[in-house]
C-alpha atoms as a PDB file:
ATOM      1  CA  MET A   1       9.097 -98.547 -15.600  1.00  0.00           C
ATOM      2  CA  THR A   2       7.081-101.182 -13.735  1.00  0.00           C
ATOM      3  CA  ASP A   3       8.585-104.662 -13.756  1.00  0.00           C
ATOM      4  CA  HIS A   4       5.961-106.721 -15.624  1.00  0.00           C
ATOM      5  CA  LEU A   5       6.970-110.322 -14.976  1.00  0.00           C
ATOM      6  CA  ARG A   6       3.328-111.312 -14.770  1.00  0.00           C
ATOM      7  CA  ILE A   7       0.084-109.404 -15.146  1.00  0.00           C
ATOM      8  CA  GLN A   8      -2.959-110.915 -13.502  1.00  0.00           C
ATOM      9  CA  GLY A   9      -6.232-109.064 -13.360  1.00  0.00           C
ATOM     10  CA  ARG A  10      -9.644-108.498 -14.838  1.00  0.00           C
ATOM     11  CA  ALA A  11     -10.374-107.285 -18.339  1.00  0.00           C
ATOM     12  CA  ALA A  12     -13.021-105.097 -19.947  1.00  0.00           C
ATOM     13  CA  ALA A  13     -13.997-105.375 -23.606  1.00  0.00           C
ATOM     14  CA  LEU A  14     -14.082-102.266 -25.806  1.00  0.00           C
ATOM     15  CA  ARG A  15     -15.828-103.411 -28.970  1.00  0.00           C
ATOM     16  CA  ILE A  16     -14.606-100.481 -31.044  1.00  0.00           C
ATOM     17  CA  GLU A  17     -12.581-100.723 -34.241  1.00  0.00           C
ATOM     18  CA  ASN A  18     -10.059 -97.968 -34.986  1.00  0.00           C
ATOM     19  CA  LEU A  19     -10.265 -96.439 -31.505  1.00  0.00           C
ATOM     20  CA  ASP A  20      -8.132 -93.331 -31.961  1.00  0.00           C
ATOM     21  CA  THR A  21      -6.042 -91.361 -29.500  1.00  0.00           C
ATOM     22  CA  ASP A  22      -8.458 -88.421 -29.564  1.00  0.00           C
ATOM     23  CA  GLN A  23     -11.140 -90.743 -28.199  1.00  0.00           C
ATOM     24  CA  ILE A  24      -8.739 -92.264 -25.693  1.00  0.00           C
ATOM     25  CA  MET A  25      -7.565 -88.858 -24.427  1.00  0.00           C
ATOM     26  CA  PRO A  26      -9.615 -85.876 -25.708  1.00  0.00           C
ATOM     27  CA  LYS A  27      -7.776 -82.669 -26.481  1.00  0.00           C
ATOM     28  CA  GLN A  28      -9.218 -80.650 -23.578  1.00  0.00           C
ATOM     29  CA  PHE A  29      -7.205 -82.813 -21.180  1.00  0.00           C
ATOM     30  CA  LEU A  30      -3.881 -81.959 -22.850  1.00  0.00           C
ATOM     31  CA  ARG A  31      -3.577 -78.444 -21.456  1.00  0.00           C
ATOM     32  CA  GLY A  32      -1.521 -79.256 -18.380  1.00  0.00           C
ATOM     33  CA  ILE A  33       2.233 -78.970 -18.134  1.00  0.00           C
ATOM     34  CA  ASP A  34       2.668 -82.366 -16.491  1.00  0.00           C
ATOM     35  CA  LYS A  35       1.039 -85.806 -16.529  1.00  0.00           C
ATOM     36  CA  SER A  36      -1.352 -85.215 -13.631  1.00  0.00           C
ATOM     37  CA  GLY A  37      -5.122 -85.579 -13.978  1.00  0.00           C
ATOM     38  CA  LEU A  38      -5.130 -87.662 -17.138  1.00  0.00           C
ATOM     39  CA  LYS A  39      -7.046 -90.472 -15.455  1.00  0.00           C
ATOM     40  CA  GLU A  40     -10.150 -88.286 -15.494  1.00  0.00           C
ATOM     41  CA  GLY A  41      -9.874 -87.695 -19.233  1.00  0.00           C
ATOM     42  CA  LEU A  42      -9.501 -91.311 -20.299  1.00  0.00           C
ATOM     43  CA  LEU A  43     -12.204 -92.231 -22.838  1.00  0.00           C
ATOM     44  CA  TYR A  44     -14.157 -89.277 -21.490  1.00  0.00           C
ATOM     45  CA  ASP A  45     -16.799 -89.045 -24.202  1.00  0.00           C
ATOM     46  CA  LEU A  46     -17.436 -92.780 -23.976  1.00  0.00           C
ATOM     47  CA  ARG A  47     -17.656 -92.737 -20.181  1.00  0.00           C
ATOM     48  CA  PHE A  48     -19.630 -89.518 -19.700  1.00  0.00           C
ATOM     49  CA  ASP A  49     -22.403 -87.605 -21.438  1.00  0.00           C
ATOM     50  CA  THR A  50     -22.345 -83.894 -22.284  1.00  0.00           C
ATOM     51  CA  GLN A  51     -23.483 -83.078 -18.742  1.00  0.00           C
ATOM     52  CA  GLY A  52     -20.624 -85.054 -17.212  1.00  0.00           C
ATOM     53  CA  ARG A  53     -22.887 -87.882 -16.054  1.00  0.00           C
ATOM     54  CA  PRO A  54     -21.593 -91.479 -16.333  1.00  0.00           C
ATOM     55  CA  ARG A  55     -22.993 -93.314 -19.332  1.00  0.00           C
ATOM     56  CA  PRO A  56     -24.571 -96.574 -18.108  1.00  0.00           C
ATOM     57  CA  ASP A  57     -23.805 -98.282 -21.421  1.00  0.00           C
ATOM     58  CA  CYS A  58     -20.024 -97.842 -21.002  1.00  0.00           C
ATOM     59  CA  VAL A  59     -18.460-101.010 -19.671  1.00  0.00           C
ATOM     60  CA  LEU A  60     -16.058 -99.085 -17.452  1.00  0.00           C
ATOM     61  CA  ASN A  61     -19.034 -97.630 -15.568  1.00  0.00           C
ATOM     62  CA  ARG A  62     -20.750-100.948 -14.938  1.00  0.00           C
ATOM     63  CA  ALA A  63     -20.857-102.761 -11.638  1.00  0.00           C
ATOM     64  CA  GLY A  64     -18.109-105.339 -11.396  1.00  0.00           C
ATOM     65  CA  TYR A  65     -15.643-103.492 -13.635  1.00  0.00           C
ATOM     66  CA  ALA A  66     -14.088-101.071 -11.180  1.00  0.00           C
ATOM     67  CA  GLY A  67     -10.348-101.622 -11.027  1.00  0.00           C
ATOM     68  CA  VAL A  68      -9.942-103.519 -14.290  1.00  0.00           C
ATOM     69  CA  SER A  69      -6.295-103.683 -15.327  1.00  0.00           C
ATOM     70  CA  MET A  70      -6.648-104.884 -18.923  1.00  0.00           C
ATOM     71  CA  LEU A  71      -8.601-103.884 -21.997  1.00  0.00           C
ATOM     72  CA  VAL A  72      -9.565-106.072 -24.940  1.00  0.00           C
ATOM     73  CA  GLY A  73      -9.991-103.889 -28.011  1.00  0.00           C
ATOM     74  CA  GLY A  74     -10.674-103.901 -31.716  1.00  0.00           C
ATOM     75  CA  SER A  75      -8.205-103.717 -34.576  1.00  0.00           C
ATOM     76  CA  ASN A  76      -5.995-100.683 -35.212  1.00  0.00           C
ATOM     77  CA  PHE A  77      -6.240 -99.711 -31.550  1.00  0.00           C
ATOM     78  CA  GLY A  78      -4.671 -96.308 -30.828  1.00  0.00           C
ATOM     79  CA  CYS A  79      -4.744 -94.920 -34.357  1.00  0.00           C
ATOM     80  CA  GLY A  80      -4.621 -91.196 -35.043  1.00  0.00           C
ATOM     81  CA  SER A  81      -2.069 -88.718 -33.793  1.00  0.00           C
ATOM     82  CA  SER A  82       0.952 -89.523 -31.666  1.00  0.00           C
ATOM     83  CA  ARG A  83      -0.560 -88.557 -28.328  1.00  0.00           C
ATOM     84  CA  GLU A  84       1.550 -89.975 -25.506  1.00  0.00           C
ATOM     85  CA  HIS A  85      -1.010 -88.578 -23.060  1.00  0.00           C
ATOM     86  CA  ALA A  86      -3.285 -91.430 -24.171  1.00  0.00           C
ATOM     87  CA  VAL A  87      -0.793 -93.946 -22.827  1.00  0.00           C
ATOM     88  CA  TRP A  88      -0.258 -91.996 -19.614  1.00  0.00           C
ATOM     89  CA  GLY A  89      -4.011 -91.739 -19.050  1.00  0.00           C
ATOM     90  CA  LEU A  90      -4.484 -95.470 -19.531  1.00  0.00           C
ATOM     91  CA  GLN A  91      -1.755 -96.178 -17.005  1.00  0.00           C
ATOM     92  CA  GLN A  92      -3.133 -93.692 -14.480  1.00  0.00           C
ATOM     93  CA  PHE A  93      -6.519 -95.389 -14.808  1.00  0.00           C
ATOM     94  CA  GLY A  94      -4.823 -98.641 -13.811  1.00  0.00           C
ATOM     95  CA  ILE A  95      -4.539-100.310 -17.213  1.00  0.00           C
ATOM     96  CA  ARG A  96      -1.424-102.468 -17.430  1.00  0.00           C
ATOM     97  CA  ALA A  97      -2.098-104.350 -20.667  1.00  0.00           C
ATOM     98  CA  ILE A  98      -4.195-104.059 -23.823  1.00  0.00           C
ATOM     99  CA  VAL A  99      -5.010-107.018 -26.050  1.00  0.00           C
ATOM    100  CA  ALA A 100      -6.216-106.444 -29.615  1.00  0.00           C
ATOM    101  CA  PRO A 101      -5.799-107.825 -33.149  1.00  0.00           C
ATOM    102  CA  SER A 102      -3.544-104.901 -34.123  1.00  0.00           C
ATOM    103  CA  PHE A 103      -2.258-101.548 -32.915  1.00  0.00           C
ATOM    104  CA  ALA A 104      -1.347 -98.292 -34.610  1.00  0.00           C
ATOM    105  CA  GLU A 105       2.427 -98.133 -35.016  1.00  0.00           C
ATOM    106  CA  ILE A 106       3.029 -94.870 -33.135  1.00  0.00           C
ATOM    107  CA  PHE A 107       0.714 -95.845 -30.283  1.00  0.00           C
ATOM    108  CA  HIS A 108       2.511 -99.178 -30.050  1.00  0.00           C
ATOM    109  CA  ALA A 109       5.881 -97.456 -29.725  1.00  0.00           C
ATOM    110  CA  ASN A 110       4.625 -94.981 -27.118  1.00  0.00           C
ATOM    111  CA  ALA A 111       2.948 -97.700 -25.073  1.00  0.00           C
ATOM    112  CA  MET A 112       5.830-100.149 -25.015  1.00  0.00           C
ATOM    113  CA  ASN A 113       8.347 -97.409 -24.233  1.00  0.00           C
ATOM    114  CA  ASN A 114       6.222 -96.364 -21.247  1.00  0.00           C
ATOM    115  CA  GLY A 115       5.722 -99.867 -19.907  1.00  0.00           C
ATOM    116  CA  LEU A 116       2.141-100.420 -21.095  1.00  0.00           C
ATOM    117  CA  LEU A 117       2.052-103.940 -22.498  1.00  0.00           C
ATOM    118  CA  LEU A 118       0.359-104.453 -25.858  1.00  0.00           C
ATOM    119  CA  VAL A 119      -0.492-107.994 -26.918  1.00  0.00           C
ATOM    120  CA  ALA A 120      -1.604-108.773 -30.476  1.00  0.00           C
ATOM    121  CA  LEU A 121      -3.681-111.921 -30.994  1.00  0.00           C
ATOM    122  CA  PRO A 122      -5.738-113.265 -33.919  1.00  0.00           C
ATOM    123  CA  ALA A 123      -9.239-111.847 -34.262  1.00  0.00           C
ATOM    124  CA  ALA A 124     -10.867-115.176 -33.388  1.00  0.00           C
ATOM    125  CA  GLN A 125      -9.094-115.291 -30.030  1.00  0.00           C
ATOM    126  CA  ILE A 126      -9.911-111.630 -29.409  1.00  0.00           C
ATOM    127  CA  ALA A 127     -13.593-112.452 -29.931  1.00  0.00           C
ATOM    128  CA  GLN A 128     -13.344-115.220 -27.337  1.00  0.00           C
ATOM    129  CA  LEU A 129     -11.563-112.903 -24.905  1.00  0.00           C
ATOM    130  CA  MET A 130     -14.261-110.275 -25.370  1.00  0.00           C
ATOM    131  CA  ASP A 131     -16.942-112.840 -24.623  1.00  0.00           C
ATOM    132  CA  ASP A 132     -15.079-113.795 -21.441  1.00  0.00           C
ATOM    133  CA  ALA A 133     -14.660-110.138 -20.498  1.00  0.00           C
ATOM    134  CA  ASP A 134     -18.374-109.414 -20.944  1.00  0.00           C
ATOM    135  CA  ASP A 135     -19.097-111.247 -17.686  1.00  0.00           C
ATOM    136  CA  PRO A 136     -17.367-110.049 -14.486  1.00  0.00           C
ATOM    137  CA  ALA A 137     -17.439-113.661 -13.312  1.00  0.00           C
ATOM    138  CA  THR A 138     -15.244-114.831 -16.219  1.00  0.00           C
ATOM    139  CA  ASN A 139     -13.089-111.817 -17.098  1.00  0.00           C
ATOM    140  CA  ALA A 140      -9.906-112.865 -15.310  1.00  0.00           C
ATOM    141  CA  VAL A 141      -6.784-112.849 -17.513  1.00  0.00           C
ATOM    142  CA  ASP A 142      -3.264-114.044 -16.711  1.00  0.00           C
ATOM    143  CA  ILE A 143      -0.331-112.807 -18.815  1.00  0.00           C
ATOM    144  CA  ASP A 144       3.078-114.402 -18.283  1.00  0.00           C
ATOM    145  CA  LEU A 145       5.815-112.201 -19.769  1.00  0.00           C
ATOM    146  CA  ALA A 146       8.602-114.733 -19.391  1.00  0.00           C
ATOM    147  CA  ALA A 147       6.653-117.452 -21.206  1.00  0.00           C
ATOM    148  CA  GLN A 148       4.864-114.957 -23.482  1.00  0.00           C
ATOM    149  CA  THR A 149       1.513-116.595 -22.828  1.00  0.00           C
ATOM    150  CA  LEU A 150      -1.998-115.337 -22.115  1.00  0.00           C
ATOM    151  CA  ALA A 151      -4.725-117.342 -20.431  1.00  0.00           C
ATOM    152  CA  SER A 152      -8.405-116.673 -19.797  1.00  0.00           C
ATOM    153  CA  ARG A 153     -11.403-118.934 -19.312  1.00  0.00           C
ATOM    154  CA  SER A 154     -11.661-119.650 -23.056  1.00  0.00           C
ATOM    155  CA  VAL A 155      -8.261-118.687 -24.449  1.00  0.00           C
ATOM    156  CA  GLN A 156      -4.802-120.191 -24.112  1.00  0.00           C
ATOM    157  CA  ALA A 157      -2.487-118.252 -26.402  1.00  0.00           C
ATOM    158  CA  ARG A 158       1.133-117.448 -27.049  1.00  0.00           C
ATOM    159  CA  PHE A 159       2.089-113.976 -28.259  1.00  0.00           C
ATOM    160  CA  ASP A 160       5.184-112.432 -29.799  1.00  0.00           C
ATOM    161  CA  LEU A 161       7.297-109.587 -28.452  1.00  0.00           C
ATOM    162  CA  LEU A 162      10.352-107.957 -29.949  1.00  0.00           C
ATOM    163  CA  PRO A 163      13.402-109.108 -27.965  1.00  0.00           C
ATOM    164  CA  ARG A 164      14.156-105.577 -26.768  1.00  0.00           C
ATOM    165  CA  HIS A 165      10.582-105.034 -25.573  1.00  0.00           C
ATOM    166  CA  ARG A 166      10.579-108.373 -23.778  1.00  0.00           C
ATOM    167  CA  ARG A 167      13.814-107.474 -22.035  1.00  0.00           C
ATOM    168  CA  MET A 168      12.514-104.034 -21.056  1.00  0.00           C
ATOM    169  CA  PHE A 169       9.479-105.559 -19.360  1.00  0.00           C
ATOM    170  CA  LEU A 170      11.293-108.444 -17.702  1.00  0.00           C
ATOM    171  CA  GLU A 171      14.063-106.220 -16.346  1.00  0.00           C
ATOM    172  CA  GLY A 172      11.964-103.142 -15.654  1.00  0.00           C
ATOM    173  CA  LEU A 173      13.881-100.930 -18.094  1.00  0.00           C
ATOM    174  CA  ASP A 174      12.853 -97.923 -20.134  1.00  0.00           C
ATOM    175  CA  SER A 175      14.530 -97.009 -23.430  1.00  0.00           C
ATOM    176  CA  ILE A 176      17.315 -95.061 -21.726  1.00  0.00           C
ATOM    177  CA  GLY A 177      17.908 -97.826 -19.221  1.00  0.00           C
ATOM    178  CA  LEU A 178      18.104-100.366 -22.023  1.00  0.00           C
ATOM    179  CA  SER A 179      20.618 -98.206 -23.911  1.00  0.00           C
ATOM    180  CA  LEU A 180      22.775 -97.881 -20.800  1.00  0.00           C
ATOM    181  CA  THR A 181      23.109-101.654 -20.563  1.00  0.00           C
ATOM    182  CA  TYR A 182      25.185-101.386 -23.760  1.00  0.00           C
ATOM    183  CA  ARG A 183      27.461 -98.667 -22.386  1.00  0.00           C
ATOM    184  CA  ALA A 184      30.598-100.825 -22.378  1.00  0.00           C
ATOM    185  CA  GLN A 185      30.015-101.905 -25.985  1.00  0.00           C
ATOM    186  CA  THR A 186      29.320 -98.312 -27.017  1.00  0.00           C
ATOM    187  CA  GLU A 187      32.527 -97.041 -25.426  1.00  0.00           C
ATOM    188  CA  ALA A 188      34.541 -99.874 -26.987  1.00  0.00           C
ATOM    189  CA  PHE A 189      33.135 -99.020 -30.416  1.00  0.00           C
ATOM    190  CA  ALA A 190      34.031 -95.352 -29.932  1.00  0.00           C
ATOM    191  CA  GLN A 191      37.624 -96.257 -29.083  1.00  0.00           C
ATOM    192  CA  ARG A 192      37.931 -98.444 -32.186  1.00  0.00           C
ATOM    193  CA  HIS A 193      36.304 -95.759 -34.316  1.00  0.00           C
ATOM    194  CA  TRP A 194      38.678 -92.972 -33.235  1.00  0.00           C
ATOM    195  CA  ALA A 195      41.705 -95.256 -33.450  1.00  0.00           C
ATOM    196  CA  ALA A 196      40.892 -96.165 -37.049  1.00  0.00           C
ATOM    197  CA  GLN A 197      39.837 -92.650 -38.117  1.00  0.00           C
ATOM    198  CA  PRO A 198      41.573 -90.132 -35.843  1.00  0.00           C
ATOM    199  CA  TRP A 199      41.107 -87.319 -38.373  1.00  0.00           C
ATOM    200  CA  LEU A 200      37.386 -87.331 -37.590  1.00  0.00           C
ATOM    201  CA  ARG A 201      37.870 -86.431 -33.931  1.00  0.00           C
ATOM    202  CA  ASP A 202      36.671 -82.914 -33.181  1.00  0.00           C
ATOM    203  CA  VAL A 203      36.071 -82.349 -36.893  1.00  0.00           C
ATOM    204  CA  ALA A 204      33.110 -80.073 -36.200  1.00  0.00           C
ATOM    205  CA  ALA A 205      35.098 -77.849 -33.845  1.00  0.00           C
ATOM    206  CA  ARG A 206      38.025 -77.603 -36.272  1.00  0.00           C
ATOM    207  CA  THR A 207      35.687 -76.794 -39.157  1.00  0.00           C
ATOM    208  CA  ARG A 208      34.088 -74.074 -37.067  1.00  0.00           C
ATOM    209  CA  GLN A 209      37.509 -72.615 -36.279  1.00  0.00           C
ATOM    210  CA  ARG A 210      38.408 -72.505 -39.977  1.00  0.00           C
ATOM    211  CA  LEU A 211      35.130 -70.849 -40.849  1.00  0.00           C
ATOM    212  CA  ASP A 212      35.495 -68.309 -38.059  1.00  0.00           C
ATOM    213  CA  GLY A 213      39.064 -67.592 -39.136  1.00  0.00           C
ATOM    214  CA  GLY A 214      37.996 -67.064 -42.734  1.00  0.00           C
ATOM    215  CA  ALA A 215      35.237 -64.731 -41.665  1.00  0.00           C
ATOM    216  CA  ALA A 216      37.706 -62.707 -39.606  1.00  0.00           C
ATOM    217  CA  ARG A 217      40.082 -62.328 -42.587  1.00  0.00           C
ATOM    218  CA  ILE A 218      37.403 -60.926 -44.880  1.00  0.00           C
ATOM    219  CA  ALA A 219      35.820 -58.672 -42.271  1.00  0.00           C
ATOM    220  CA  PRO A 220      36.162 -54.942 -43.177  1.00  0.00           C
END
């Protein structure tokens, strides 16, 4: 996972409520057996017409928006099915953070676990951010993970993160890496558990042996 101490870059506004994962990553781009090529599928039907030609009305195709690293979206961003490919495609496209009033729960979990930062702010501040993002001259955004602050031309905001998510970003950990930081505590708990309840050790194996033995006795 990328170490996100600070994210500084330019943002693009997607003025779409309830943007679902099928729109973010259409199904025809899910046929591969690995994560490669998902950048091309990101928001495909918004970026391209039925002939594969770039849509001039899509902000990501406009001059001055190449290389944006943040998106400002509408409420319930990432709703729909649990499609982790949507997160991978966003990251391959270069998106490091998404700011919106709210996010679908499953998308939020997938994004944060993969190191894609999601920042929830009140709708009024999102509207200001979108206005800033509408002009390539004013769409710079600075996100400080340690301070949990976001700054643009018109917005100075503080956002909340769950402690475990904050730690994952600050220390560059994924879910497994975070779990491994508690290895000593986990092993100490296991020792206390078996010491207090030794009859539970290997209970599954002993039960299996009894069942196998009983089956052998009744076999013809």
